[in-house]
Amino acid sequence: MTSTHRAVLRITCPDRPGIVSDVSGLLFKLGLNIHHADQHLDAEANLFFQRIEFPVPEGWERVRAELRRGLDAL
């Protein structure tokens, strides 16, 4: 059964190379499928902004906890 619920991950952090790769790799590792993603840089403030939308999988509570741990490690 396919989930009709969506989750939105919003990231704001200092800019650095590899953020998009690291975050998308983490989502892939957790079995999450990105349906939409936007990102941009505020060069003056050196801040990176990203918004990623994906379907909520079964076992979401476990996956969400793993996602938080993974993002904290990044």
PDB file of N, CA and C in Angstrom:
ATOM      1  N   MET A   1       0.841  -1.186   0.000  1.00  0.00           N
ATOM      2  CA  MET A   1       0.000   0.000   0.000  1.00  0.00           C
ATOM      3  C   MET A   1       0.886   1.250   0.000  1.00  0.00           C
ATOM      4  N   THR A   2       0.609   2.180  -0.867  1.00  0.00           N
ATOM      5  CA  THR A   2       1.389   3.403  -0.975  1.00  0.00           C
ATOM      6  C   THR A   2       0.836   4.456  -0.030  1.00  0.00           C
ATOM      7  N   SER A   3       1.716   5.138   0.674  1.00  0.00           N
ATOM      8  CA  SER A   3       1.317   6.186   1.603  1.00  0.00           C
ATOM      9  C   SER A   3       0.850   7.418   0.839  1.00  0.00           C
ATOM     10  N   THR A   4      -0.220   8.033   1.339  1.00  0.00           N
ATOM     11  CA  THR A   4      -0.679   9.291   0.763  1.00  0.00           C
ATOM     12  C   THR A   4      -0.189  10.461   1.605  1.00  0.00           C
ATOM     13  N   HIS A   5       0.431  10.173   2.729  1.00  0.00           N
ATOM     14  CA  HIS A   5       0.964  11.215   3.600  1.00  0.00           C
ATOM     15  C   HIS A   5       2.373  11.593   3.152  1.00  0.00           C
ATOM     16  N   ARG A   6       2.677  12.864   3.277  1.00  0.00           N
ATOM     17  CA  ARG A   6       3.986  13.362   2.885  1.00  0.00           C
ATOM     18  C   ARG A   6       4.679  13.979   4.091  1.00  0.00           C
ATOM     19  N   ALA A   7       5.986  13.885   4.099  1.00  0.00           N
ATOM     20  CA  ALA A   7       6.804  14.559   5.098  1.00  0.00           C
ATOM     21  C   ALA A   7       7.628  15.612   4.371  1.00  0.00           C
ATOM     22  N   VAL A   8       7.920  16.682   5.070  1.00  0.00           N
ATOM     23  CA  VAL A   8       8.752  17.743   4.510  1.00  0.00           C
ATOM     24  C   VAL A   8       9.912  17.974   5.466  1.00  0.00           C
ATOM     25  N   LEU A   9      11.102  17.838   4.945  1.00  0.00           N
ATOM     26  CA  LEU A   9      12.328  18.093   5.699  1.00  0.00           C
ATOM     27  C   LEU A   9      12.852  19.457   5.278  1.00  0.00           C
ATOM     28  N   ARG A  10      13.053  20.327   6.257  1.00  0.00           N
ATOM     29  CA  ARG A  10      13.613  21.653   5.978  1.00  0.00           C
ATOM     30  C   ARG A  10      14.938  21.769   6.711  1.00  0.00           C
ATOM     31  N   ILE A  11      15.952  22.175   5.971  1.00  0.00           N
ATOM     32  CA  ILE A  11      17.304  22.272   6.518  1.00  0.00           C
ATOM     33  C   ILE A  11      17.806  23.695   6.338  1.00  0.00           C
ATOM     34  N   THR A  12      18.376  24.244   7.378  1.00  0.00           N
ATOM     35  CA  THR A  12      19.085  25.518   7.326  1.00  0.00           C
ATOM     36  C   THR A  12      20.394  25.317   8.063  1.00  0.00           C
ATOM     37  N   CYS A  13      21.504  25.590   7.397  1.00  0.00           N
ATOM     38  CA  CYS A  13      22.805  25.386   8.027  1.00  0.00           C
ATOM     39  C   CYS A  13      23.860  26.217   7.303  1.00  0.00           C
ATOM     40  N   PRO A  14      25.032  26.359   7.916  1.00  0.00           N
ATOM     41  CA  PRO A  14      26.128  27.026   7.205  1.00  0.00           C
ATOM     42  C   PRO A  14      26.441  26.247   5.918  1.00  0.00           C
ATOM     43  N   ASP A  15      26.744  26.961   4.865  1.00  0.00           N
ATOM     44  CA  ASP A  15      27.041  26.311   3.595  1.00  0.00           C
ATOM     45  C   ASP A  15      28.384  25.594   3.654  1.00  0.00           C
ATOM     46  N   ARG A  16      28.446  24.471   2.956  1.00  0.00           N
ATOM     47  CA  ARG A  16      29.684  23.713   2.781  1.00  0.00           C
ATOM     48  C   ARG A  16      29.481  22.767   1.601  1.00  0.00           C
ATOM     49  N   PRO A  17      30.541  22.337   0.965  1.00  0.00           N
ATOM     50  CA  PRO A  17      30.397  21.380  -0.135  1.00  0.00           C
ATOM     51  C   PRO A  17      29.849  20.049   0.373  1.00  0.00           C
ATOM     52  N   GLY A  18      28.986  19.422  -0.412  1.00  0.00           N
ATOM     53  CA  GLY A  18      28.527  18.070  -0.122  1.00  0.00           C
ATOM     54  C   GLY A  18      27.228  17.948   0.648  1.00  0.00           C
ATOM     55  N   ILE A  19      26.580  19.060   1.011  1.00  0.00           N
ATOM     56  CA  ILE A  19      25.349  18.958   1.799  1.00  0.00           C
ATOM     57  C   ILE A  19      24.270  18.192   1.036  1.00  0.00           C
ATOM     58  N   VAL A  20      24.024  18.551  -0.213  1.00  0.00           N
ATOM     59  CA  VAL A  20      22.978  17.887  -0.997  1.00  0.00           C
ATOM     60  C   VAL A  20      23.273  16.397  -1.108  1.00  0.00           C
ATOM     61  N   SER A  21      24.507  16.050  -1.382  1.00  0.00           N
ATOM     62  CA  SER A  21      24.906  14.646  -1.493  1.00  0.00           C
ATOM     63  C   SER A  21      24.720  13.905  -0.170  1.00  0.00           C
ATOM     64  N   ASP A  22      25.162  14.522   0.916  1.00  0.00           N
ATOM     65  CA  ASP A  22      25.055  13.873   2.224  1.00  0.00           C
ATOM     66  C   ASP A  22      23.605  13.639   2.627  1.00  0.00           C
ATOM     67  N   VAL A  23      22.770  14.645   2.445  1.00  0.00           N
ATOM     68  CA  VAL A  23      21.364  14.516   2.853  1.00  0.00           C
ATOM     69  C   VAL A  23      20.633  13.527   1.955  1.00  0.00           C
ATOM     70  N   SER A  24      20.808  13.623   0.645  1.00  0.00           N
ATOM     71  CA  SER A  24      20.124  12.689  -0.248  1.00  0.00           C
ATOM     72  C   SER A  24      20.636  11.260  -0.036  1.00  0.00           C
ATOM     73  N   GLY A  25      21.919  11.116   0.251  1.00  0.00           N
ATOM     74  CA  GLY A  25      22.455   9.783   0.550  1.00  0.00           C
ATOM     75  C   GLY A  25      21.858   9.191   1.813  1.00  0.00           C
ATOM     76  N   LEU A  26      21.664  10.018   2.832  1.00  0.00           N
ATOM     77  CA  LEU A  26      21.030   9.554   4.066  1.00  0.00           C
ATOM     78  C   LEU A  26      19.593   9.126   3.806  1.00  0.00           C
ATOM     79  N   LEU A  27      18.852   9.931   3.048  1.00  0.00           N
ATOM     80  CA  LEU A  27      17.467   9.562   2.730  1.00  0.00           C
ATOM     81  C   LEU A  27      17.422   8.251   1.955  1.00  0.00           C
ATOM     82  N   PHE A  28      18.328   8.085   1.003  1.00  0.00           N
ATOM     83  CA  PHE A  28      18.402   6.832   0.247  1.00  0.00           C
ATOM     84  C   PHE A  28      18.685   5.653   1.173  1.00  0.00           C
ATOM     85  N   LYS A  29      19.645   5.816   2.065  1.00  0.00           N
ATOM     86  CA  LYS A  29      20.007   4.754   3.011  1.00  0.00           C
ATOM     87  C   LYS A  29      18.810   4.334   3.866  1.00  0.00           C
ATOM     88  N   LEU A  30      17.944   5.291   4.174  1.00  0.00           N
ATOM     89  CA  LEU A  30      16.769   5.008   5.000  1.00  0.00           C
ATOM     90  C   LEU A  30      15.575   4.535   4.174  1.00  0.00           C
ATOM     91  N   GLY A  31      15.773   4.414   2.864  1.00  0.00           N
ATOM     92  CA  GLY A  31      14.705   3.919   1.991  1.00  0.00           C
ATOM     93  C   GLY A  31      13.653   4.961   1.667  1.00  0.00           C
ATOM     94  N   LEU A  32      13.997   6.231   1.802  1.00  0.00           N
ATOM     95  CA  LEU A  32      13.044   7.310   1.528  1.00  0.00           C
ATOM     96  C   LEU A  32      13.218   7.789   0.092  1.00  0.00           C
ATOM     97  N   ASN A  33      12.111   8.074  -0.565  1.00  0.00           N
ATOM     98  CA  ASN A  33      12.114   8.451  -1.973  1.00  0.00           C
ATOM     99  C   ASN A  33      11.768   9.929  -2.108  1.00  0.00           C
ATOM    100  N   ILE A  34      12.714  10.735  -2.532  1.00  0.00           N
ATOM    101  CA  ILE A  34      12.505  12.169  -2.684  1.00  0.00           C
ATOM    102  C   ILE A  34      11.548  12.410  -3.857  1.00  0.00           C
ATOM    103  N   HIS A  35      10.437  13.106  -3.558  1.00  0.00           N
ATOM    104  CA  HIS A  35       9.490  13.472  -4.613  1.00  0.00           C
ATOM    105  C   HIS A  35       9.710  14.894  -5.093  1.00  0.00           C
ATOM    106  N   HIS A  36      10.233  15.740  -4.227  1.00  0.00           N
ATOM    107  CA  HIS A  36      10.496  17.123  -4.623  1.00  0.00           C
ATOM    108  C   HIS A  36      11.589  17.686  -3.723  1.00  0.00           C
ATOM    109  N   ALA A  37      12.481  18.474  -4.303  1.00  0.00           N
ATOM    110  CA  ALA A  37      13.537  19.112  -3.515  1.00  0.00           C
ATOM    111  C   ALA A  37      13.861  20.480  -4.109  1.00  0.00           C
ATOM    112  N   ASP A  38      14.068  21.414  -3.231  1.00  0.00           N
ATOM    113  CA  ASP A  38      14.516  22.763  -3.607  1.00  0.00           C
ATOM    114  C   ASP A  38      15.630  23.149  -2.660  1.00  0.00           C
ATOM    115  N   GLN A  39      16.578  23.908  -3.158  1.00  0.00           N
ATOM    116  CA  GLN A  39      17.623  24.423  -2.280  1.00  0.00           C
ATOM    117  C   GLN A  39      18.146  25.727  -2.836  1.00  0.00           C
ATOM    118  N   HIS A  40      18.657  26.525  -1.940  1.00  0.00           N
ATOM    119  CA  HIS A  40      19.307  27.756  -2.371  1.00  0.00           C
ATOM    120  C   HIS A  40      20.290  28.210  -1.300  1.00  0.00           C
ATOM    121  N   LEU A  41      21.145  29.121  -1.688  1.00  0.00           N
ATOM    122  CA  LEU A  41      22.198  29.635  -0.824  1.00  0.00           C
ATOM    123  C   LEU A  41      22.015  31.133  -0.644  1.00  0.00           C
ATOM    124  N   ASP A  42      22.096  31.576   0.587  1.00  0.00           N
ATOM    125  CA  ASP A  42      22.210  33.006   0.873  1.00  0.00           C
ATOM    126  C   ASP A  42      23.708  33.242   1.032  1.00  0.00           C
ATOM    127  N   ALA A  43      24.348  33.670  -0.045  1.00  0.00           N
ATOM    128  CA  ALA A  43      25.804  33.820  -0.058  1.00  0.00           C
ATOM    129  C   ALA A  43      26.278  34.876   0.926  1.00  0.00           C
ATOM    130  N   GLU A  44      25.488  35.906   1.096  1.00  0.00           N
ATOM    131  CA  GLU A  44      25.878  36.977   2.013  1.00  0.00           C
ATOM    132  C   GLU A  44      25.946  36.470   3.454  1.00  0.00           C
ATOM    133  N   ALA A  45      25.000  35.624   3.832  1.00  0.00           N
ATOM    134  CA  ALA A  45      24.970  35.075   5.191  1.00  0.00           C
ATOM    135  C   ALA A  45      25.681  33.725   5.272  1.00  0.00           C
ATOM    136  N   ASN A  46      26.111  33.180   4.116  1.00  0.00           N
ATOM    137  CA  ASN A  46      26.732  31.862   4.016  1.00  0.00           C
ATOM    138  C   ASN A  46      25.824  30.777   4.605  1.00  0.00           C
ATOM    139  N   LEU A  47      24.515  30.877   4.323  1.00  0.00           N
ATOM    140  CA  LEU A  47      23.546  29.902   4.811  1.00  0.00           C
ATOM    141  C   LEU A  47      22.948  29.125   3.646  1.00  0.00           C
ATOM    142  N   PHE A  48      22.836  27.817   3.846  1.00  0.00           N
ATOM    143  CA  PHE A  48      22.249  26.906   2.879  1.00  0.00           C
ATOM    144  C   PHE A  48      20.843  26.560   3.352  1.00  0.00           C
ATOM    145  N   PHE A  49      19.879  26.600   2.437  1.00  0.00           N
ATOM    146  CA  PHE A  49      18.492  26.255   2.749  1.00  0.00           C
ATOM    147  C   PHE A  49      18.055  25.139   1.817  1.00  0.00           C
ATOM    148  N   GLN A  50      17.379  24.137   2.378  1.00  0.00           N
ATOM    149  CA  GLN A  50      16.897  23.031   1.550  1.00  0.00           C
ATOM    150  C   GLN A  50      15.538  22.577   2.062  1.00  0.00           C
ATOM    151  N   ARG A  51      14.661  22.239   1.132  1.00  0.00           N
ATOM    152  CA  ARG A  51      13.344  21.678   1.447  1.00  0.00           C
ATOM    153  C   ARG A  51      13.189  20.417   0.619  1.00  0.00           C
ATOM    154  N   ILE A  52      12.904  19.304   1.292  1.00  0.00           N
ATOM    155  CA  ILE A  52      12.757  18.014   0.619  1.00  0.00           C
ATOM    156  C   ILE A  52      11.429  17.396   1.032  1.00  0.00           C
ATOM    157  N   GLU A  53      10.662  16.956   0.054  1.00  0.00           N
ATOM    158  CA  GLU A  53       9.371  16.307   0.306  1.00  0.00           C
ATOM    159  C   GLU A  53       9.468  14.840  -0.092  1.00  0.00           C
ATOM    160  N   PHE A  54       8.934  13.972   0.767  1.00  0.00           N
ATOM    161  CA  PHE A  54       8.957  12.537   0.483  1.00  0.00           C
ATOM    162  C   PHE A  54       7.748  11.869   1.140  1.00  0.00           C
ATOM    163  N   PRO A  55       7.306  10.705   0.600  1.00  0.00           N
ATOM    164  CA  PRO A  55       6.189   9.999   1.205  1.00  0.00           C
ATOM    165  C   PRO A  55       6.595   9.415   2.562  1.00  0.00           C
ATOM    166  N   VAL A  56       5.643   9.391   3.474  1.00  0.00           N
ATOM    167  CA  VAL A  56       5.881   8.808   4.796  1.00  0.00           C
ATOM    168  C   VAL A  56       5.792   7.289   4.668  1.00  0.00           C
ATOM    169  N   PRO A  57       6.865   6.578   5.033  1.00  0.00           N
ATOM    170  CA  PRO A  57       6.859   5.120   4.897  1.00  0.00           C
ATOM    171  C   PRO A  57       6.214   4.442   6.117  1.00  0.00           C
ATOM    172  N   GLU A  58       5.936   3.168   5.961  1.00  0.00           N
ATOM    173  CA  GLU A  58       5.510   2.371   7.118  1.00  0.00           C
ATOM    174  C   GLU A  58       6.654   2.366   8.113  1.00  0.00           C
ATOM    175  N   GLY A  59       6.332   2.294   9.395  1.00  0.00           N
ATOM    176  CA  GLY A  59       7.365   2.322  10.417  1.00  0.00           C
ATOM    177  C   GLY A  59       7.981   3.697  10.571  1.00  0.00           C
ATOM    178  N   TRP A  60       7.199   4.748  10.305  1.00  0.00           N
ATOM    179  CA  TRP A  60       7.710   6.103  10.277  1.00  0.00           C
ATOM    180  C   TRP A  60       8.404   6.514  11.561  1.00  0.00           C
ATOM    181  N   GLU A  61       7.896   6.120  12.711  1.00  0.00           N
ATOM    182  CA  GLU A  61       8.514   6.541  13.976  1.00  0.00           C
ATOM    183  C   GLU A  61       9.971   6.078  14.056  1.00  0.00           C
ATOM    184  N   ARG A  62      10.235   4.858  13.656  1.00  0.00           N
ATOM    185  CA  ARG A  62      11.608   4.335  13.662  1.00  0.00           C
ATOM    186  C   ARG A  62      12.466   5.070  12.637  1.00  0.00           C
ATOM    187  N   VAL A  63      11.928   5.241  11.437  1.00  0.00           N
ATOM    188  CA  VAL A  63      12.670   5.920  10.375  1.00  0.00           C
ATOM    189  C   VAL A  63      12.955   7.368  10.765  1.00  0.00           C
ATOM    190  N   ARG A  64      11.970   8.030  11.348  1.00  0.00           N
ATOM    191  CA  ARG A  64      12.159   9.428  11.754  1.00  0.00           C
ATOM    192  C   ARG A  64      13.271   9.550  12.788  1.00  0.00           C
ATOM    193  N   ALA A  65      13.317   8.629  13.734  1.00  0.00           N
ATOM    194  CA  ALA A  65      14.382   8.645  14.741  1.00  0.00           C
ATOM    195  C   ALA A  65      15.750   8.439  14.085  1.00  0.00           C
ATOM    196  N   GLU A  66      15.832   7.521  13.127  1.00  0.00           N
ATOM    197  CA  GLU A  66      17.089   7.289  12.417  1.00  0.00           C
ATOM    198  C   GLU A  66      17.479   8.509  11.585  1.00  0.00           C
ATOM    199  N   LEU A  67      16.490   9.161  10.983  1.00  0.00           N
ATOM    200  CA  LEU A  67      16.751  10.362  10.195  1.00  0.00           C
ATOM    201  C   LEU A  67      17.313  11.468  11.080  1.00  0.00           C
ATOM    202  N   ARG A  68      16.730  11.650  12.240  1.00  0.00           N
ATOM    203  CA  ARG A  68      17.236  12.682  13.156  1.00  0.00           C
ATOM    204  C   ARG A  68      18.668  12.398  13.582  1.00  0.00           C
ATOM    205  N   ARG A  69      18.951  11.143  13.918  1.00  0.00           N
ATOM    206  CA  ARG A  69      20.324  10.782  14.297  1.00  0.00           C
ATOM    207  C   ARG A  69      21.293  11.023  13.153  1.00  0.00           C
ATOM    208  N   GLY A  70      20.896  10.636  11.953  1.00  0.00           N
ATOM    209  CA  GLY A  70      21.749  10.814  10.790  1.00  0.00           C
ATOM    210  C   GLY A  70      22.002  12.282  10.478  1.00  0.00           C
ATOM    211  N   LEU A  71      20.968  13.100  10.589  1.00  0.00           N
ATOM    212  CA  LEU A  71      21.127  14.534  10.317  1.00  0.00           C
ATOM    213  C   LEU A  71      22.013  15.178  11.382  1.00  0.00           C
ATOM    214  N   ASP A  72      21.846  14.768  12.629  1.00  0.00           N
ATOM    215  CA  ASP A  72      22.701  15.298  13.685  1.00  0.00           C
ATOM    216  C   ASP A  72      24.175  14.980  13.414  1.00  0.00           C
ATOM    217  N   ALA A  73      24.423  13.794  12.868  1.00  0.00           N
ATOM    218  CA  ALA A  73      25.810  13.380  12.577  1.00  0.00           C
ATOM    219  C   ALA A  73      26.404  14.175  11.403  1.00  0.00           C
ATOM    220  N   LEU A  74      25.534  14.646  10.508  1.00  0.00           N
ATOM    221  CA  LEU A  74      26.032  15.419   9.362  1.00  0.00           C
ATOM    222  C   LEU A  74      26.432  16.804   9.803  1.00  0.00           C
TER     223      LEU A  74
END
